[in-house]
Amino acid sequence: MRTPLHVLLKRLGPRPGFSPKIAQELVEWAVPYGADWERALADCNAQERFMHIVREMYRQRLLSHEAVVRAALACAQTVLVNVPEDEPRPRHALYTISVWSAGGTPLSAVSSAQRDAQAAAHRYRTNYAAQAAALACSHAAYVVVARGTNSGDALARTLSSVIASRAAVLMAKNESAKQIAADEVAALQDIKKVLIPEIIQGLSNYSQVEA
């Protein structure tokens, strides 16, 4: 029988130095879902709440760095249409992430592509949509670079930055607040599609160890 989600979340965190209030709110949110982990995660549309789960599971090595990278890539790919065709650097950054994920290029190549995408963003000081799109690609590449046992905070923050950059693209296009909010939810959904199966597997492994 599965362990209820709120029990697992209580065991997972928070780490020393992190606000226990946020962790407690997460535990209380999970109580009504019982052991239905899938429904809870599907319903988790509060970005801060979901990123807390990502951060703590990564900290416990229950969520792989590669999975978080794939999530960042999925989230950032939608903005490429806003990058002018004569600017290859943001596209190259996402391509380099894909190649790195397949084991075909070293971390240093992704780091270089990340810096190039960031430089591309500075090129578009008056084209705010292109600037925000380039930054989204740069942030996605930084998820590859920001790895290590203690980098859960950096990974969660950078994933949130990819979402924020997507929203900034729409803001630059003077889209409505409703449309921007809807895209933020859609961006989180892009991330969740990749990470939820990984989180479920991680929770399953964790519950067996803790049993």
Protein backbone atom coordinates (compact mmCIF):
# COMPACT_ATOMS: atom_id res chain seq x y z
CA MET A 1 0.00 0.00 0.00
CA ARG A 2 1.26 3.46 -0.91
CA THR A 3 2.35 5.95 1.70
CA PRO A 4 0.21 9.14 1.69
CA LEU A 5 1.91 12.00 -0.11
CA HIS A 6 1.80 14.37 2.86
CA VAL A 7 3.70 11.84 4.96
CA LEU A 8 6.47 11.58 2.37
CA LEU A 9 6.67 15.35 1.97
CA LYS A 10 6.98 15.77 5.71
CA ARG A 11 9.90 13.33 5.74
CA LEU A 12 11.55 15.02 2.77
CA GLY A 13 11.97 18.48 4.20
CA PRO A 14 12.75 21.11 4.86
CA ARG A 15 16.51 21.12 4.82
CA PRO A 16 18.35 23.04 7.56
CA GLY A 17 18.06 26.78 7.09
CA PHE A 18 14.91 26.64 4.97
CA SER A 19 11.58 28.04 6.11
CA PRO A 20 9.59 25.31 7.90
CA LYS A 21 6.41 27.31 7.26
CA ILE A 22 6.56 26.69 3.50
CA ALA A 23 7.21 23.00 4.06
CA GLN A 24 4.29 22.76 6.49
CA GLU A 25 1.94 24.50 4.04
CA LEU A 26 2.96 21.97 1.39
CA VAL A 27 2.25 19.08 3.75
CA GLU A 28 -1.19 20.50 4.63
CA TRP A 29 -1.99 20.98 0.94
CA ALA A 30 -1.19 17.31 0.23
CA VAL A 31 -3.33 15.83 3.01
CA PRO A 32 -6.64 15.62 1.04
CA TYR A 33 -4.96 13.66 -1.76
CA GLY A 34 -3.90 10.78 0.45
CA ALA A 35 -1.84 8.31 -1.58
CA ASP A 36 -3.06 9.59 -4.95
CA TRP A 37 0.30 11.08 -5.90
CA GLU A 38 -0.60 11.47 -9.57
CA ARG A 39 -3.72 13.55 -8.92
CA ALA A 40 -1.94 15.72 -6.40
CA LEU A 41 0.91 16.53 -8.76
CA ALA A 42 -1.45 17.08 -11.68
CA ASP A 43 -3.46 19.53 -9.56
CA CYS A 44 -0.35 21.30 -8.29
CA ASN A 45 -0.55 24.49 -10.36
CA ALA A 46 1.08 26.74 -7.78
CA GLN A 47 4.57 27.28 -9.15
CA GLU A 48 6.24 27.85 -5.78
CA ARG A 49 4.69 24.68 -4.38
CA PHE A 50 5.79 22.51 -7.30
CA MET A 51 9.30 23.97 -7.30
CA HIS A 52 9.60 23.17 -3.60
CA ILE A 53 8.90 19.53 -4.42
CA VAL A 54 11.49 19.63 -7.22
CA ARG A 55 14.06 21.24 -4.93
CA GLU A 56 13.62 18.82 -2.05
CA MET A 57 13.50 15.71 -4.22
CA TYR A 58 16.62 16.77 -6.06
CA ARG A 59 18.32 17.43 -2.74
CA GLN A 60 17.52 13.87 -1.66
CA ARG A 61 18.74 12.54 -5.04
CA LEU A 62 15.25 11.30 -5.86
CA LEU A 63 15.05 13.44 -9.00
CA SER A 64 17.79 13.36 -11.60
CA HIS A 65 19.58 16.37 -12.99
CA GLU A 66 18.92 15.06 -16.50
CA ALA A 67 15.15 15.09 -15.90
CA VAL A 68 15.22 18.71 -14.76
CA VAL A 69 17.26 19.59 -17.86
CA ARG A 70 14.67 17.96 -20.12
CA ALA A 71 11.93 19.92 -18.37
CA ALA A 72 13.74 23.21 -18.89
CA LEU A 73 14.27 22.40 -22.55
CA ALA A 74 10.59 21.56 -23.06
CA CYS A 75 9.56 24.83 -21.44
CA ALA A 76 11.97 27.02 -23.42
CA GLN A 77 11.42 25.55 -26.89
CA THR A 78 8.10 27.33 -27.38
CA VAL A 79 9.70 30.80 -27.43
CA LEU A 80 12.07 30.24 -30.36
CA VAL A 81 9.51 31.66 -32.78
CA ASN A 82 10.21 35.06 -31.20
CA VAL A 83 13.94 34.95 -31.98
CA PRO A 84 14.84 36.54 -35.35
CA GLU A 85 16.07 34.05 -37.92
CA ASP A 86 19.41 35.84 -38.27
CA GLU A 87 20.18 35.24 -34.58
CA PRO A 88 21.36 31.61 -34.16
CA ARG A 89 22.66 31.69 -30.60
CA PRO A 90 19.46 30.97 -28.60
CA ARG A 91 18.57 28.12 -30.96
CA HIS A 92 22.08 26.77 -30.69
CA ALA A 93 21.81 26.84 -26.89
CA LEU A 94 18.74 24.60 -26.97
CA TYR A 95 20.32 22.35 -29.58
CA THR A 96 23.40 22.01 -27.38
CA ILE A 97 21.21 21.02 -24.43
CA SER A 98 19.69 18.24 -26.55
CA VAL A 99 23.10 17.01 -27.65
CA TRP A 100 24.41 17.12 -24.07
CA SER A 101 21.38 15.14 -22.88
CA ALA A 102 22.27 12.43 -25.39
CA GLY A 103 25.87 12.39 -24.16
CA GLY A 104 27.19 13.99 -27.34
CA THR A 105 28.87 17.13 -26.02
CA PRO A 106 30.72 18.19 -22.86
CA LEU A 107 29.39 20.47 -20.14
CA SER A 108 31.80 23.20 -21.26
CA ALA A 109 30.01 23.41 -24.64
CA VAL A 110 26.67 24.00 -22.91
CA SER A 111 28.24 26.61 -20.66
CA SER A 112 29.60 28.43 -23.71
CA ALA A 113 26.23 28.22 -25.50
CA GLN A 114 24.50 29.55 -22.38
CA ARG A 115 26.74 32.61 -22.33
CA ASP A 116 26.21 33.15 -26.05
CA ALA A 117 22.43 33.05 -25.65
CA GLN A 118 22.69 35.58 -22.85
CA ALA A 119 24.82 37.81 -25.08
CA ALA A 120 22.17 37.49 -27.78
CA ALA A 121 19.58 38.80 -25.32
CA HIS A 122 21.66 41.94 -24.83
CA ARG A 123 21.59 42.49 -28.61
CA TYR A 124 17.84 43.06 -28.52
CA ARG A 125 17.54 45.99 -26.15
CA THR A 126 14.55 47.39 -28.03
CA ASN A 127 13.00 44.10 -29.20
CA TYR A 128 11.81 42.95 -25.81
CA ALA A 129 10.09 39.79 -27.04
CA ALA A 130 13.31 38.58 -28.70
CA GLN A 131 15.29 39.56 -25.62
CA ALA A 132 13.02 37.59 -23.29
CA ALA A 133 13.04 34.58 -25.62
CA ALA A 134 16.84 34.57 -25.74
CA LEU A 135 16.95 34.78 -21.95
CA ALA A 136 14.60 31.80 -21.67
CA CYS A 137 17.05 29.78 -23.78
CA SER A 138 19.98 31.00 -21.69
CA HIS A 139 18.22 30.03 -18.46
CA ALA A 140 17.42 26.59 -19.87
CA ALA A 141 21.08 26.05 -20.65
CA TYR A 142 22.06 27.20 -17.18
CA VAL A 143 19.99 24.34 -15.74
CA VAL A 144 22.59 22.03 -17.30
CA VAL A 145 25.46 23.97 -15.74
CA ALA A 146 23.89 24.30 -12.27
CA ARG A 147 24.34 20.77 -11.05
CA GLY A 148 25.51 19.09 -7.87
CA THR A 149 24.07 17.81 -4.61
CA ASN A 150 23.61 21.30 -3.19
CA SER A 151 22.23 22.93 -6.34
CA GLY A 152 18.54 22.16 -5.83
CA ASP A 153 17.84 25.80 -5.06
CA ALA A 154 19.62 26.96 -8.21
CA LEU A 155 17.79 24.44 -10.38
CA ALA A 156 14.36 25.38 -9.00
CA ARG A 157 15.09 29.11 -9.33
CA THR A 158 16.34 28.70 -12.89
CA LEU A 159 13.30 26.67 -13.91
CA SER A 160 11.18 29.50 -12.53
CA SER A 161 13.29 31.95 -14.54
CA VAL A 162 12.48 30.06 -17.75
CA ILE A 163 8.78 30.43 -16.94
CA ALA A 164 9.23 34.12 -16.12
CA SER A 165 11.04 34.72 -19.41
CA ARG A 166 8.20 33.06 -21.31
CA ALA A 167 5.79 35.42 -19.56
CA ALA A 168 8.03 38.37 -20.42
CA VAL A 169 7.71 37.51 -24.11
CA LEU A 170 3.95 37.97 -23.88
CA MET A 171 4.32 41.12 -21.81
CA ALA A 172 6.53 42.54 -24.55
CA LYS A 173 3.75 41.79 -27.03
CA ASN A 174 1.25 43.65 -24.83
CA GLU A 175 -0.83 40.55 -24.27
CA SER A 176 -3.52 40.69 -21.60
CA ALA A 177 -2.81 39.83 -17.98
CA LYS A 178 -5.20 36.89 -18.41
CA GLN A 179 -3.22 35.54 -21.35
CA ILE A 180 0.09 35.96 -19.53
CA ALA A 181 -1.25 34.13 -16.48
CA ALA A 182 -2.56 31.35 -18.72
CA ASP A 183 0.83 30.94 -20.36
CA GLU A 184 2.55 30.75 -16.97
CA VAL A 185 0.26 27.83 -16.14
CA ALA A 186 0.99 26.30 -19.57
CA ALA A 187 4.73 26.71 -19.00
CA LEU A 188 4.47 24.91 -15.67
CA GLN A 189 2.47 22.18 -17.41
CA ASP A 190 5.30 21.72 -19.94
CA ILE A 191 7.67 21.21 -17.02
CA LYS A 192 5.28 18.92 -15.17
CA LYS A 193 4.77 16.64 -18.18
CA VAL A 194 8.46 15.79 -18.02
CA LEU A 195 8.94 15.74 -14.27
CA ILE A 196 5.80 14.10 -12.85
CA PRO A 197 6.70 10.57 -14.01
CA GLU A 198 10.19 11.07 -12.58
CA ILE A 199 8.79 12.41 -9.31
CA ILE A 200 6.38 9.47 -9.01
CA GLN A 201 9.25 7.04 -9.48
CA GLY A 202 11.35 8.94 -6.95
CA LEU A 203 8.54 8.91 -4.39
CA SER A 204 8.05 5.20 -4.93
CA ASN A 205 11.74 4.51 -4.33
CA TYR A 206 11.76 6.78 -1.29
CA SER A 207 8.69 5.19 0.27
CA GLN A 208 10.25 1.73 -0.08
CA VAL A 209 13.48 2.84 1.58
CA GLU A 210 11.63 4.57 4.39
CA ALA A 211 9.20 1.70 4.98
